[in-house]
């Protein structure tokens, strides 16, 4: 499974009152893994899957951490870090792990947020942040406090690279 924006859903309370639950949905190919567990096989949405998944290697929780990096990138910029209409070229981009923080979308995003994403979108799974490391990262610790104050109920202007969603209305 790869985490992706389309698998996040706000409760009705969250939509109407800017408070409530964020739910993870669509567990069609999901599996519950322990730290040392792994699976094999190509699963997930191509733009969100980790390089090891594309290579057909066994993978585990670090693949979800990669997907979390893609998800954070999309939430903050409104577009995917790896974009290409040709699936073969898309896979090549992901395998290289080369992405950019483009202007103007990333101008107001903090260096901590960029560092956090950069530590998740690392090609070698053993060099990616673990969930424990991610939760202790200063960006997450600060964002947890700030998110309580953010009104994300307004429309956002889109650049040519942006998708239908962005949390750009707040300085991260």
C-alpha atoms as a PDB file:
ATOM      1  CA  UNK A   1       0.000   0.000   0.000  1.00  0.00           C
ATOM      2  CA  UNK A   2       1.148   3.519  -0.601  1.00  0.00           C
ATOM      3  CA  UNK A   3      -0.244   6.380   1.425  1.00  0.00           C
ATOM      4  CA  UNK A   4      -1.742   9.030  -0.826  1.00  0.00           C
ATOM      5  CA  UNK A   5      -3.820  12.172  -0.545  1.00  0.00           C
ATOM      6  CA  UNK A   6      -6.866  10.433  -1.997  1.00  0.00           C
ATOM      7  CA  UNK A   7      -6.840   8.069   1.015  1.00  0.00           C
ATOM      8  CA  UNK A   8      -7.267  10.865   3.551  1.00  0.00           C
ATOM      9  CA  UNK A   9     -10.747  11.916   4.509  1.00  0.00           C
ATOM     10  CA  UNK A  10     -11.951  14.599   6.921  1.00  0.00           C
ATOM     11  CA  UNK A  11     -14.849  13.882   9.236  1.00  0.00           C
ATOM     12  CA  UNK A  12     -17.943  16.028   8.711  1.00  0.00           C
ATOM     13  CA  UNK A  13     -17.122  17.865  11.942  1.00  0.00           C
ATOM     14  CA  UNK A  14     -13.663  18.713  10.577  1.00  0.00           C
ATOM     15  CA  UNK A  15     -15.102  20.089   7.352  1.00  0.00           C
ATOM     16  CA  UNK A  16     -17.726  22.301   8.995  1.00  0.00           C
ATOM     17  CA  UNK A  17     -15.985  23.366  12.209  1.00  0.00           C
ATOM     18  CA  UNK A  18     -12.286  23.170  11.295  1.00  0.00           C
ATOM     19  CA  UNK A  19     -11.874  20.567  14.042  1.00  0.00           C
ATOM     20  CA  UNK A  20     -12.335  16.841  14.057  1.00  0.00           C
ATOM     21  CA  UNK A  21     -10.845  13.663  12.736  1.00  0.00           C
ATOM     22  CA  UNK A  22      -8.671  12.909   9.744  1.00  0.00           C
ATOM     23  CA  UNK A  23      -9.351   9.371   8.588  1.00  0.00           C
ATOM     24  CA  UNK A  24      -7.225   7.009   6.528  1.00  0.00           C
ATOM     25  CA  UNK A  25      -9.420   5.043   4.081  1.00  0.00           C
ATOM     26  CA  UNK A  26      -9.201   2.378   1.350  1.00  0.00           C
ATOM     27  CA  UNK A  27      -7.383  -0.602   2.779  1.00  0.00           C
ATOM     28  CA  UNK A  28      -7.964  -2.828  -0.260  1.00  0.00           C
ATOM     29  CA  UNK A  29      -4.322  -3.954  -0.496  1.00  0.00           C
ATOM     30  CA  UNK A  30      -3.134  -2.905   2.940  1.00  0.00           C
ATOM     31  CA  UNK A  31      -1.308  -5.115   5.406  1.00  0.00           C
ATOM     32  CA  UNK A  32      -0.418  -4.592   9.042  1.00  0.00           C
ATOM     33  CA  UNK A  33       3.339  -4.870   9.410  1.00  0.00           C
ATOM     34  CA  UNK A  34       5.599  -4.988  12.424  1.00  0.00           C
ATOM     35  CA  UNK A  35       8.997  -3.259  12.284  1.00  0.00           C
ATOM     36  CA  UNK A  36      10.769  -6.305  10.874  1.00  0.00           C
ATOM     37  CA  UNK A  37       7.992  -7.522   8.530  1.00  0.00           C
ATOM     38  CA  UNK A  38       8.205  -7.169   4.774  1.00  0.00           C
ATOM     39  CA  UNK A  39       6.115  -7.875   1.690  1.00  0.00           C
ATOM     40  CA  UNK A  40       6.875  -8.168  -1.980  1.00  0.00           C
ATOM     41  CA  UNK A  41       4.985  -7.223  -5.120  1.00  0.00           C
ATOM     42  CA  UNK A  42       4.131  -4.034  -6.902  1.00  0.00           C
ATOM     43  CA  UNK A  43       1.256  -2.318  -5.111  1.00  0.00           C
ATOM     44  CA  UNK A  44       0.096   1.254  -4.809  1.00  0.00           C
ATOM     45  CA  UNK A  45      -0.270   4.372  -6.890  1.00  0.00           C
ATOM     46  CA  UNK A  46       2.883   4.841  -8.999  1.00  0.00           C
ATOM     47  CA  UNK A  47       3.616   8.468  -8.038  1.00  0.00           C
ATOM     48  CA  UNK A  48       3.561   7.567  -4.321  1.00  0.00           C
ATOM     49  CA  UNK A  49       5.429   4.251  -4.232  1.00  0.00           C
ATOM     50  CA  UNK A  50       8.968   3.891  -2.931  1.00  0.00           C
ATOM     51  CA  UNK A  51      11.887   2.907  -5.175  1.00  0.00           C
ATOM     52  CA  UNK A  52      12.188  -0.526  -3.550  1.00  0.00           C
ATOM     53  CA  UNK A  53       8.584  -1.286  -4.524  1.00  0.00           C
ATOM     54  CA  UNK A  54       9.300  -0.360  -8.147  1.00  0.00           C
ATOM     55  CA  UNK A  55      12.390  -2.589  -8.099  1.00  0.00           C
ATOM     56  CA  UNK A  56      10.283  -5.562  -6.991  1.00  0.00           C
ATOM     57  CA  UNK A  57      12.308  -5.952  -3.790  1.00  0.00           C
ATOM     58  CA  UNK A  58      10.900  -6.894  -0.426  1.00  0.00           C
ATOM     59  CA  UNK A  59       9.758  -3.793   1.409  1.00  0.00           C
ATOM     60  CA  UNK A  60       8.288  -2.830   4.736  1.00  0.00           C
ATOM     61  CA  UNK A  61       7.560   0.222   6.841  1.00  0.00           C
ATOM     62  CA  UNK A  62      10.229   2.397   5.159  1.00  0.00           C
ATOM     63  CA  UNK A  63       8.110   2.268   1.970  1.00  0.00           C
ATOM     64  CA  UNK A  64       5.273   3.912   3.890  1.00  0.00           C
ATOM     65  CA  UNK A  65       7.696   6.567   5.114  1.00  0.00           C
ATOM     66  CA  UNK A  66       8.555   7.356   1.475  1.00  0.00           C
ATOM     67  CA  UNK A  67       4.835   7.662   0.710  1.00  0.00           C
ATOM     68  CA  UNK A  68       4.489   9.958   3.714  1.00  0.00           C
ATOM     69  CA  UNK A  69       7.205  12.167   2.202  1.00  0.00           C
ATOM     70  CA  UNK A  70       5.308  12.344  -1.091  1.00  0.00           C
ATOM     71  CA  UNK A  71       2.084  13.051   0.780  1.00  0.00           C
ATOM     72  CA  UNK A  72       3.664  15.896   2.780  1.00  0.00           C
ATOM     73  CA  UNK A  73       5.118  17.346  -0.411  1.00  0.00           C
ATOM     74  CA  UNK A  74       1.688  17.315  -2.067  1.00  0.00           C
ATOM     75  CA  UNK A  75      -0.029  18.844   0.955  1.00  0.00           C
ATOM     76  CA  UNK A  76       2.463  21.703   1.178  1.00  0.00           C
ATOM     77  CA  UNK A  77       2.951  22.397  -2.543  1.00  0.00           C
ATOM     78  CA  UNK A  78      -0.240  21.148  -4.168  1.00  0.00           C
ATOM     79  CA  UNK A  79       1.569  18.957  -6.702  1.00  0.00           C
ATOM     80  CA  UNK A  80       3.611  15.738  -6.757  1.00  0.00           C
ATOM     81  CA  UNK A  81       7.405  15.756  -6.359  1.00  0.00           C
ATOM     82  CA  UNK A  82       7.822  13.281  -9.228  1.00  0.00           C
ATOM     83  CA  UNK A  83       5.709  14.051 -12.294  1.00  0.00           C
ATOM     84  CA  UNK A  84       5.672  12.497 -15.725  1.00  0.00           C
ATOM     85  CA  UNK A  85       2.922  11.179 -17.993  1.00  0.00           C
ATOM     86  CA  UNK A  86       5.122   8.315 -19.208  1.00  0.00           C
ATOM     87  CA  UNK A  87       5.095   5.545 -16.543  1.00  0.00           C
ATOM     88  CA  UNK A  88       8.608   4.376 -17.451  1.00  0.00           C
ATOM     89  CA  UNK A  89      10.006   7.896 -17.076  1.00  0.00           C
ATOM     90  CA  UNK A  90       8.058   8.385 -13.839  1.00  0.00           C
ATOM     91  CA  UNK A  91       9.610   5.226 -12.414  1.00  0.00           C
ATOM     92  CA  UNK A  92      13.069   6.447 -13.451  1.00  0.00           C
ATOM     93  CA  UNK A  93      12.508   9.773 -11.669  1.00  0.00           C
ATOM     94  CA  UNK A  94      11.406   7.986  -8.508  1.00  0.00           C
ATOM     95  CA  UNK A  95      14.353   5.572  -8.666  1.00  0.00           C
ATOM     96  CA  UNK A  96      16.754   8.535  -8.793  1.00  0.00           C
ATOM     97  CA  UNK A  97      14.926  10.283  -5.962  1.00  0.00           C
ATOM     98  CA  UNK A  98      15.696  13.673  -7.439  1.00  0.00           C
ATOM     99  CA  UNK A  99      13.081  16.323  -6.744  1.00  0.00           C
ATOM    100  CA  UNK A 100      13.005  20.093  -6.292  1.00  0.00           C
ATOM    101  CA  UNK A 101      11.302  22.628  -4.101  1.00  0.00           C
ATOM    102  CA  UNK A 102      10.087  24.951  -6.893  1.00  0.00           C
ATOM    103  CA  UNK A 103       9.445  28.660  -6.612  1.00  0.00           C
ATOM    104  CA  UNK A 104       6.987  30.182  -5.901  1.00  0.00           C
ATOM    105  CA  UNK A 105       5.144  27.287  -4.204  1.00  0.00           C
ATOM    106  CA  UNK A 106       7.957  26.618  -1.729  1.00  0.00           C
ATOM    107  CA  UNK A 107       9.003  30.230  -1.027  1.00  0.00           C
ATOM    108  CA  UNK A 108       7.025  30.440   2.210  1.00  0.00           C
ATOM    109  CA  UNK A 109       7.651  26.869   3.373  1.00  0.00           C
ATOM    110  CA  UNK A 110      10.146  26.526   6.211  1.00  0.00           C
ATOM    111  CA  UNK A 111      13.529  24.902   5.896  1.00  0.00           C
ATOM    112  CA  UNK A 112      12.385  22.440   8.601  1.00  0.00           C
ATOM    113  CA  UNK A 113       9.505  21.268   6.412  1.00  0.00           C
ATOM    114  CA  UNK A 114      11.813  20.876   3.427  1.00  0.00           C
ATOM    115  CA  UNK A 115      14.357  19.012   5.563  1.00  0.00           C
ATOM    116  CA  UNK A 116      11.631  16.678   6.862  1.00  0.00           C
ATOM    117  CA  UNK A 117      10.477  15.810   3.349  1.00  0.00           C
ATOM    118  CA  UNK A 118      14.058  15.432   2.137  1.00  0.00           C
ATOM    119  CA  UNK A 119      14.749  12.925   4.919  1.00  0.00           C
ATOM    120  CA  UNK A 120      11.721  10.874   3.867  1.00  0.00           C
ATOM    121  CA  UNK A 121      12.307  10.933   0.107  1.00  0.00           C
ATOM    122  CA  UNK A 122      15.608   9.082   0.373  1.00  0.00           C
ATOM    123  CA  UNK A 123      16.147   6.292  -2.167  1.00  0.00           C
ATOM    124  CA  UNK A 124      17.836   3.894   0.265  1.00  0.00           C
ATOM    125  CA  UNK A 125      15.180   2.675   2.735  1.00  0.00           C
ATOM    126  CA  UNK A 126      17.651   2.197   5.589  1.00  0.00           C
ATOM    127  CA  UNK A 127      18.577   5.895   5.379  1.00  0.00           C
ATOM    128  CA  UNK A 128      14.980   7.205   5.538  1.00  0.00           C
ATOM    129  CA  UNK A 129      13.469   8.537   8.721  1.00  0.00           C
ATOM    130  CA  UNK A 130      11.711   5.890  10.798  1.00  0.00           C
ATOM    131  CA  UNK A 131       8.282   6.677  12.196  1.00  0.00           C
ATOM    132  CA  UNK A 132       9.846   7.333  15.606  1.00  0.00           C
ATOM    133  CA  UNK A 133      12.392   9.730  14.095  1.00  0.00           C
ATOM    134  CA  UNK A 134       9.677  11.436  12.040  1.00  0.00           C
ATOM    135  CA  UNK A 135       7.514  12.043  15.112  1.00  0.00           C
ATOM    136  CA  UNK A 136      10.463  13.621  16.895  1.00  0.00           C
ATOM    137  CA  UNK A 137      11.478  15.826  13.961  1.00  0.00           C
ATOM    138  CA  UNK A 138      11.195  19.546  14.849  1.00  0.00           C
ATOM    139  CA  UNK A 139       8.884  20.186  11.872  1.00  0.00           C
ATOM    140  CA  UNK A 140       6.321  17.673  13.155  1.00  0.00           C
ATOM    141  CA  UNK A 141       6.624  18.817  16.747  1.00  0.00           C
ATOM    142  CA  UNK A 142       6.057  22.462  15.750  1.00  0.00           C
ATOM    143  CA  UNK A 143       3.385  21.631  13.155  1.00  0.00           C
ATOM    144  CA  UNK A 144       1.351  19.693  15.726  1.00  0.00           C
ATOM    145  CA  UNK A 145       0.926  22.884  17.724  1.00  0.00           C
ATOM    146  CA  UNK A 146       0.364  25.143  14.692  1.00  0.00           C
ATOM    147  CA  UNK A 147      -2.213  22.905  13.008  1.00  0.00           C
ATOM    148  CA  UNK A 148      -4.650  23.619  15.795  1.00  0.00           C
ATOM    149  CA  UNK A 149      -4.719  27.243  14.633  1.00  0.00           C
ATOM    150  CA  UNK A 150      -4.971  26.780  10.846  1.00  0.00           C
ATOM    151  CA  UNK A 151      -8.135  27.523   8.877  1.00  0.00           C
ATOM    152  CA  UNK A 152      -7.880  25.357   5.760  1.00  0.00           C
ATOM    153  CA  UNK A 153     -11.469  25.853   4.614  1.00  0.00           C
ATOM    154  CA  UNK A 154     -10.757  28.481   1.938  1.00  0.00           C
ATOM    155  CA  UNK A 155      -9.954  27.988  -1.757  1.00  0.00           C
ATOM    156  CA  UNK A 156      -6.325  28.186  -2.846  1.00  0.00           C
ATOM    157  CA  UNK A 157      -5.034  29.739  -6.077  1.00  0.00           C
ATOM    158  CA  UNK A 158      -3.284  27.136  -8.202  1.00  0.00           C
ATOM    159  CA  UNK A 159      -0.075  27.342 -10.142  1.00  0.00           C
ATOM    160  CA  UNK A 160       0.323  25.164 -13.281  1.00  0.00           C
ATOM    161  CA  UNK A 161       1.982  22.395 -11.198  1.00  0.00           C
ATOM    162  CA  UNK A 162      -0.626  22.305  -8.463  1.00  0.00           C
ATOM    163  CA  UNK A 163      -3.335  19.702  -8.038  1.00  0.00           C
ATOM    164  CA  UNK A 164      -6.716  20.184  -6.400  1.00  0.00           C
ATOM    165  CA  UNK A 165      -5.389  20.558  -2.860  1.00  0.00           C
ATOM    166  CA  UNK A 166      -2.805  22.581  -1.015  1.00  0.00           C
ATOM    167  CA  UNK A 167      -2.131  23.657   2.551  1.00  0.00           C
ATOM    168  CA  UNK A 168      -0.157  26.643   1.265  1.00  0.00           C
ATOM    169  CA  UNK A 169      -2.315  29.192   3.054  1.00  0.00           C
ATOM    170  CA  UNK A 170      -0.142  28.867   6.133  1.00  0.00           C
ATOM    171  CA  UNK A 171       3.594  29.399   6.674  1.00  0.00           C
ATOM    172  CA  UNK A 172       5.110  26.006   7.466  1.00  0.00           C
END
